């Protein structure tokens, strides 16, 4: 498993040569179930929770919630229709480019139609060869691949289109993960962190660069960005001014965090925690703030 995407009661996994797989995680906390994660809660014959692909590298969803675009609406309720892009899971494959899996049938409460497949495969002229990471932002998918960072308009799944290519080697150097906050995109690449102004989503502009070694992944939360920097541990950036990011502090837990590849944040009661994926040492949970942290009642206390 190379990457994961959680949405609703399902976990979607990019499994390399094993393709794309879906796990039912609805009963994670249900003590009456011996198998808490399953690929066939009904029957292996009654559903198909996998899609074959040559080398599935990443998976993304437009939302971690599960709105159902296929649901019928009563006109007297004046409900707005959910855009069809929310019916799909977006997967990258280093050989096939981008493919869309229709997962809307998993949301309709009917267990008889849970057979997923590749509904759309998109790789015009091989532009997405070597695709390794994907981030969905609004109606756009940012895909890191051999050509650089390719921005794809996914509003109409029947007419996907490339709106911009940020070329490899021109400003970006082997781009990977990208995170968005307001009008800015924060991109991890071989040089460190690159910041772009995305006020015009189809014409992003380079803003600044911050050199960091081994910048694998980034998570932006309020005025701080948390970067997984491999052997250098967790690097925390001050991004209050996105056009001038600064290293605020580096945390390695006395050298215990030495192969950090990913970071996610979560809040429990009045405390913030970082969940760190360390290749050599497994999972680390780091408390960032507590009620005793100076300024904890404010908007963005310093971790």
Protein backbone atom coordinates (compact mmCIF):
# COMPACT_ATOMS: atom_id res chain seq x y z
CA UNK A 1 0.00 0.00 0.00
CA UNK A 2 1.57 3.26 -1.17
CA UNK A 3 -1.13 5.78 -0.24
CA UNK A 4 -4.54 5.94 1.42
CA UNK A 5 -7.70 8.03 1.22
CA UNK A 6 -10.43 7.82 3.87
CA UNK A 7 -13.98 8.79 2.89
CA UNK A 8 -17.08 7.94 4.86
CA UNK A 9 -17.10 4.28 5.90
CA UNK A 10 -14.52 3.23 3.31
CA UNK A 11 -10.76 3.37 3.01
CA UNK A 12 -9.34 3.59 -0.52
CA UNK A 13 -5.84 2.28 -1.12
CA UNK A 14 -3.26 2.64 -3.90
CA UNK A 15 -1.48 -0.71 -3.90
CA UNK A 16 1.17 -0.39 -6.60
CA UNK A 17 1.15 -3.48 -8.82
CA UNK A 18 -1.85 -4.70 -6.78
CA UNK A 19 -3.90 -1.87 -8.29
CA UNK A 20 -6.66 -0.02 -6.44
CA UNK A 21 -8.49 -1.56 -3.46
CA UNK A 22 -11.35 -0.56 -1.17
CA UNK A 23 -11.63 -1.57 2.48
CA UNK A 24 -14.83 -1.38 4.51
CA UNK A 25 -13.88 0.22 7.84
CA UNK A 26 -17.40 0.88 9.16
CA UNK A 27 -16.89 -1.54 12.05
CA UNK A 28 -13.47 -0.38 13.26
CA UNK A 29 -14.80 0.22 16.78
CA UNK A 30 -17.40 -2.57 16.76
CA UNK A 31 -16.27 -5.20 19.25
CA UNK A 32 -18.77 -7.72 17.87
CA UNK A 33 -16.82 -8.04 14.62
CA UNK A 34 -13.72 -10.25 14.61
CA UNK A 35 -12.50 -8.76 11.32
CA UNK A 36 -12.66 -4.99 11.64
CA UNK A 37 -11.35 -4.20 8.14
CA UNK A 38 -12.79 -6.23 5.29
CA UNK A 39 -12.89 -6.14 1.50
CA UNK A 40 -16.14 -8.11 1.26
CA UNK A 41 -18.63 -7.41 4.07
CA UNK A 42 -21.44 -9.01 2.04
CA UNK A 43 -19.84 -11.70 -0.13
CA UNK A 44 -16.90 -11.84 -2.54
CA UNK A 45 -19.44 -12.85 -5.21
CA UNK A 46 -21.78 -9.98 -4.39
CA UNK A 47 -19.36 -7.09 -4.91
CA UNK A 48 -16.03 -6.16 -6.47
CA UNK A 49 -13.89 -3.87 -4.33
CA UNK A 50 -10.74 -3.74 -6.46
CA UNK A 51 -9.55 -2.45 -9.83
CA UNK A 52 -6.55 -3.86 -11.64
CA UNK A 53 -3.85 -1.42 -12.78
CA UNK A 54 -0.16 -1.67 -13.67
CA UNK A 55 1.23 0.45 -10.83
CA UNK A 56 -1.31 2.46 -8.80
CA UNK A 57 0.67 5.11 -6.92
CA UNK A 58 -1.84 7.43 -5.24
CA UNK A 59 -5.53 7.93 -4.57
CA UNK A 60 -7.57 11.04 -3.73
CA UNK A 61 -11.14 12.18 -3.21
CA UNK A 62 -12.67 15.66 -3.58
CA UNK A 63 -13.98 15.36 -0.01
CA UNK A 64 -13.54 13.21 3.09
CA UNK A 65 -17.32 13.42 3.48
CA UNK A 66 -19.50 11.23 1.31
CA UNK A 67 -22.11 13.28 -0.60
CA UNK A 68 -24.07 11.20 -3.12
CA UNK A 69 -24.41 12.89 -6.54
CA UNK A 70 -26.57 10.00 -7.80
CA UNK A 71 -29.30 10.49 -5.19
CA UNK A 72 -32.68 11.67 -6.47
CA UNK A 73 -34.02 14.98 -5.15
CA UNK A 74 -37.57 15.98 -4.32
CA UNK A 75 -38.28 19.30 -6.10
CA UNK A 76 -40.24 20.65 -3.12
CA UNK A 77 -37.09 20.50 -0.99
CA UNK A 78 -35.19 22.91 -3.28
CA UNK A 79 -32.01 20.86 -2.83
CA UNK A 80 -28.98 21.77 -4.88
CA UNK A 81 -27.50 18.95 -6.92
CA UNK A 82 -24.13 17.58 -5.81
CA UNK A 83 -21.52 17.87 -8.62
CA UNK A 84 -20.80 14.55 -10.31
CA UNK A 85 -17.07 14.79 -9.54
CA UNK A 86 -17.90 13.71 -5.98
CA UNK A 87 -19.03 10.33 -7.29
CA UNK A 88 -15.49 9.35 -8.25
CA UNK A 89 -12.25 8.35 -6.61
CA UNK A 90 -9.19 9.66 -8.48
CA UNK A 91 -6.18 7.35 -8.87
CA UNK A 92 -2.76 7.84 -10.41
CA UNK A 93 -0.79 5.09 -12.12
CA UNK A 94 2.80 5.53 -13.22
CA UNK A 95 2.04 3.71 -16.49
CA UNK A 96 -1.60 4.60 -17.17
CA UNK A 97 -1.74 8.18 -15.90
CA UNK A 98 -5.05 9.10 -14.24
CA UNK A 99 -8.05 6.82 -13.88
CA UNK A 100 -11.41 7.48 -12.26
CA UNK A 101 -13.32 4.88 -10.28
CA UNK A 102 -17.03 5.46 -9.83
CA UNK A 103 -17.68 4.96 -6.12
CA UNK A 104 -21.08 6.61 -5.98
CA UNK A 105 -22.76 3.20 -5.81
CA UNK A 106 -21.13 2.67 -2.41
CA UNK A 107 -23.15 5.56 -1.02
CA UNK A 108 -26.68 4.60 -2.08
CA UNK A 109 -27.36 1.96 0.58
CA UNK A 110 -27.85 -0.77 -2.02
CA UNK A 111 -25.39 -3.67 -1.56
CA UNK A 112 -26.30 -5.24 -4.91
CA UNK A 113 -24.47 -2.74 -7.16
CA UNK A 114 -21.07 -2.52 -5.45
CA UNK A 115 -18.98 -3.46 -8.47
CA UNK A 116 -16.29 -0.85 -9.15
CA UNK A 117 -14.32 -0.45 -12.37
CA UNK A 118 -12.26 2.09 -14.30
CA UNK A 119 -14.86 4.51 -15.59
CA UNK A 120 -12.39 6.95 -17.15
CA UNK A 121 -8.70 6.62 -18.08
CA UNK A 122 -6.92 9.87 -18.93
CA UNK A 123 -3.37 10.30 -20.23
CA UNK A 124 -3.36 12.41 -23.39
CA UNK A 125 -0.11 11.99 -25.36
CA UNK A 126 1.49 10.40 -22.30
CA UNK A 127 1.54 13.71 -20.39
CA UNK A 128 0.84 11.87 -17.11
CA UNK A 129 3.47 9.16 -17.50
CA UNK A 130 5.23 8.52 -14.20
CA UNK A 131 2.30 9.91 -12.18
CA UNK A 132 3.12 9.50 -8.50
CA UNK A 133 0.99 11.91 -6.45
CA UNK A 134 -2.45 13.51 -6.80
CA UNK A 135 -4.23 16.21 -4.81
CA UNK A 136 -7.81 17.27 -5.58
CA UNK A 137 -8.48 20.95 -4.98
CA UNK A 138 -11.95 22.19 -5.92
CA UNK A 139 -12.58 21.15 -9.50
CA UNK A 140 -8.89 20.61 -10.23
CA UNK A 141 -6.51 17.71 -9.72
CA UNK A 142 -2.81 18.48 -9.30
CA UNK A 143 -0.78 15.49 -10.48
CA UNK A 144 2.97 15.13 -9.95
CA UNK A 145 4.53 13.14 -12.77
CA UNK A 146 7.59 12.98 -15.04
CA UNK A 147 6.47 16.09 -16.92
CA UNK A 148 6.31 18.11 -13.69
CA UNK A 149 3.06 19.20 -12.04
CA UNK A 150 0.04 18.80 -14.33
CA UNK A 151 -3.23 20.55 -13.46
CA UNK A 152 -6.33 18.74 -14.75
CA UNK A 153 -9.88 20.12 -14.79
CA UNK A 154 -12.10 17.32 -13.41
CA UNK A 155 -15.44 19.17 -13.32
CA UNK A 156 -16.81 17.06 -16.19
CA UNK A 157 -15.59 13.47 -15.92
CA UNK A 158 -16.51 12.87 -19.56
CA UNK A 159 -14.36 15.78 -20.75
CA UNK A 160 -11.25 15.95 -18.56
CA UNK A 161 -8.76 18.53 -19.77
CA UNK A 162 -5.23 19.61 -18.98
CA UNK A 163 -5.31 23.31 -18.07
CA UNK A 164 -1.67 23.89 -17.15
CA UNK A 165 1.66 22.09 -16.99
CA UNK A 166 4.27 23.35 -14.53
CA UNK A 167 7.32 21.88 -16.26
CA UNK A 168 9.92 19.73 -14.56
CA UNK A 169 13.23 21.55 -14.17
CA UNK A 170 11.90 25.03 -14.94
CA UNK A 171 10.98 25.94 -11.37
CA UNK A 172 9.99 22.60 -9.88
CA UNK A 173 12.46 19.79 -9.27
CA UNK A 174 10.77 16.38 -9.00
CA UNK A 175 7.56 17.68 -7.37
CA UNK A 176 5.55 15.47 -5.02
CA UNK A 177 2.87 16.27 -2.48
CA UNK A 178 1.02 19.60 -2.60
CA UNK A 179 -1.22 21.22 0.03
CA UNK A 180 -3.49 24.24 -0.32
CA UNK A 181 -4.51 27.00 2.06
CA UNK A 182 -6.54 29.96 0.87
CA UNK A 183 -4.73 31.49 -2.12
CA UNK A 184 -1.51 29.50 -1.86
CA UNK A 185 -0.21 26.07 -2.83
CA UNK A 186 2.68 24.53 -0.89
CA UNK A 187 4.60 21.99 -2.98
CA UNK A 188 7.20 19.50 -1.80
CA UNK A 189 9.98 18.82 -4.27
CA UNK A 190 13.61 17.72 -4.33
CA UNK A 191 14.78 21.22 -3.34
CA UNK A 192 12.37 21.75 -0.44
CA UNK A 193 9.12 23.74 -0.35
CA UNK A 194 7.86 25.83 -3.27
CA UNK A 195 4.98 28.27 -2.74
CA UNK A 196 2.63 29.32 -5.55
CA UNK A 197 -0.13 31.92 -5.72
CA UNK A 198 -3.27 30.14 -6.99
CA UNK A 199 -5.61 33.13 -7.02
CA UNK A 200 -6.13 32.22 -10.68
CA UNK A 201 -6.44 28.42 -10.40
CA UNK A 202 -5.59 27.86 -14.05
CA UNK A 203 -2.57 30.16 -14.03
CA UNK A 204 -0.66 29.72 -10.74
CA UNK A 205 2.33 31.97 -10.18
CA UNK A 206 5.59 31.08 -8.37
CA UNK A 207 6.01 33.05 -5.14
CA UNK A 208 8.99 31.78 -3.18
CA UNK A 209 11.09 28.74 -2.36
CA UNK A 210 12.49 27.44 0.92
CA UNK A 211 15.36 24.98 0.82
CA UNK A 212 14.76 21.84 2.89
CA UNK A 213 16.43 18.48 2.57
CA UNK A 214 14.22 15.39 2.18
CA UNK A 215 10.89 17.22 2.09
CA UNK A 216 8.54 14.27 1.56
CA UNK A 217 5.15 15.59 2.66
CA UNK A 218 3.60 18.73 4.10
CA UNK A 219 0.52 19.49 6.21
CA UNK A 220 -0.61 23.11 6.58
CA UNK A 221 -2.62 24.08 9.66
CA UNK A 222 -3.45 27.71 10.37
CA UNK A 223 -0.18 29.68 10.47
CA UNK A 224 2.16 26.67 10.63
CA UNK A 225 3.21 24.01 8.15
CA UNK A 226 4.48 20.62 9.25
CA UNK A 227 6.98 18.98 6.91
CA UNK A 228 8.12 15.35 6.99
CA UNK A 229 11.84 15.73 6.29
CA UNK A 230 13.16 12.17 6.42
CA UNK A 231 16.29 11.81 8.52
CA UNK A 232 15.87 15.40 9.74
CA UNK A 233 12.60 14.59 11.53
CA UNK A 234 9.64 16.96 11.74
CA UNK A 235 10.32 20.47 10.46
CA UNK A 236 7.76 23.09 11.52
CA UNK A 237 7.48 26.20 9.35
CA UNK A 238 5.96 29.56 10.21
CA UNK A 239 3.75 30.37 7.21
CA UNK A 240 1.84 33.30 8.65
CA UNK A 241 3.16 35.15 5.62
CA UNK A 242 3.06 32.48 2.88
CA UNK A 243 5.32 34.62 0.73
CA UNK A 244 8.06 34.43 3.36
CA UNK A 245 7.99 31.03 5.11
CA UNK A 246 10.53 30.46 7.89
CA UNK A 247 11.75 27.42 9.80
CA UNK A 248 10.28 27.75 13.29
CA UNK A 249 11.70 24.57 14.84
CA UNK A 250 12.87 21.03 14.11
CA UNK A 251 11.77 18.10 16.25
CA UNK A 252 13.41 14.66 16.27
CA UNK A 253 12.52 13.44 19.78
CA UNK A 254 16.19 13.12 20.59
CA UNK A 255 16.97 11.32 17.33
CA UNK A 256 14.08 8.83 17.57
CA UNK A 257 12.37 10.30 14.49
CA UNK A 258 14.89 9.67 11.71
CA UNK A 259 13.00 8.46 8.62
CA UNK A 260 9.89 10.61 8.48
CA UNK A 261 7.77 10.28 5.34
CA UNK A 262 4.37 11.71 6.24
CA UNK A 263 2.60 13.86 8.84
CA UNK A 264 -1.05 14.46 9.65
CA UNK A 265 -2.63 16.57 12.40
CA UNK A 266 -5.56 15.76 14.64
CA UNK A 267 -7.25 17.54 17.55
CA UNK A 268 -8.44 15.77 20.70
CA UNK A 269 -10.29 17.92 23.23
CA UNK A 270 -8.11 21.05 23.68
CA UNK A 271 -4.85 19.53 22.42
CA UNK A 272 -3.28 19.19 18.98
CA UNK A 273 -1.37 16.08 17.94
CA UNK A 274 0.85 15.18 15.01
CA UNK A 275 0.72 11.62 13.69
CA UNK A 276 4.04 10.78 12.07
CA UNK A 277 4.84 7.94 9.67
CA UNK A 278 8.48 6.95 10.21
CA UNK A 279 9.82 4.31 7.82
CA UNK A 280 12.30 2.82 10.29
CA UNK A 281 10.41 3.34 13.54
CA UNK A 282 6.70 3.13 12.69
CA UNK A 283 4.09 5.48 14.06
CA UNK A 284 4.93 8.39 16.35
CA UNK A 285 2.28 10.47 18.11
CA UNK A 286 3.57 13.90 19.10
CA UNK A 287 1.63 16.36 21.24
CA UNK A 288 1.92 19.83 19.74
CA UNK A 289 -0.23 21.91 22.08
CA UNK A 290 -2.13 21.45 25.35
CA UNK A 291 -4.26 23.69 27.59
CA UNK A 292 -0.99 24.72 29.23
CA UNK A 293 0.52 25.96 25.97
CA UNK A 294 0.87 29.77 25.96
CA UNK A 295 -1.83 31.22 23.74
CA UNK A 296 -3.74 27.94 23.48
CA UNK A 297 -7.04 29.81 23.66
CA UNK A 298 -6.03 31.83 20.61
CA UNK A 299 -6.25 31.06 16.90
CA UNK A 300 -2.78 29.64 16.27
CA UNK A 301 -0.61 28.91 19.33
CA UNK A 302 3.02 28.10 18.65
CA UNK A 303 3.51 24.32 18.87
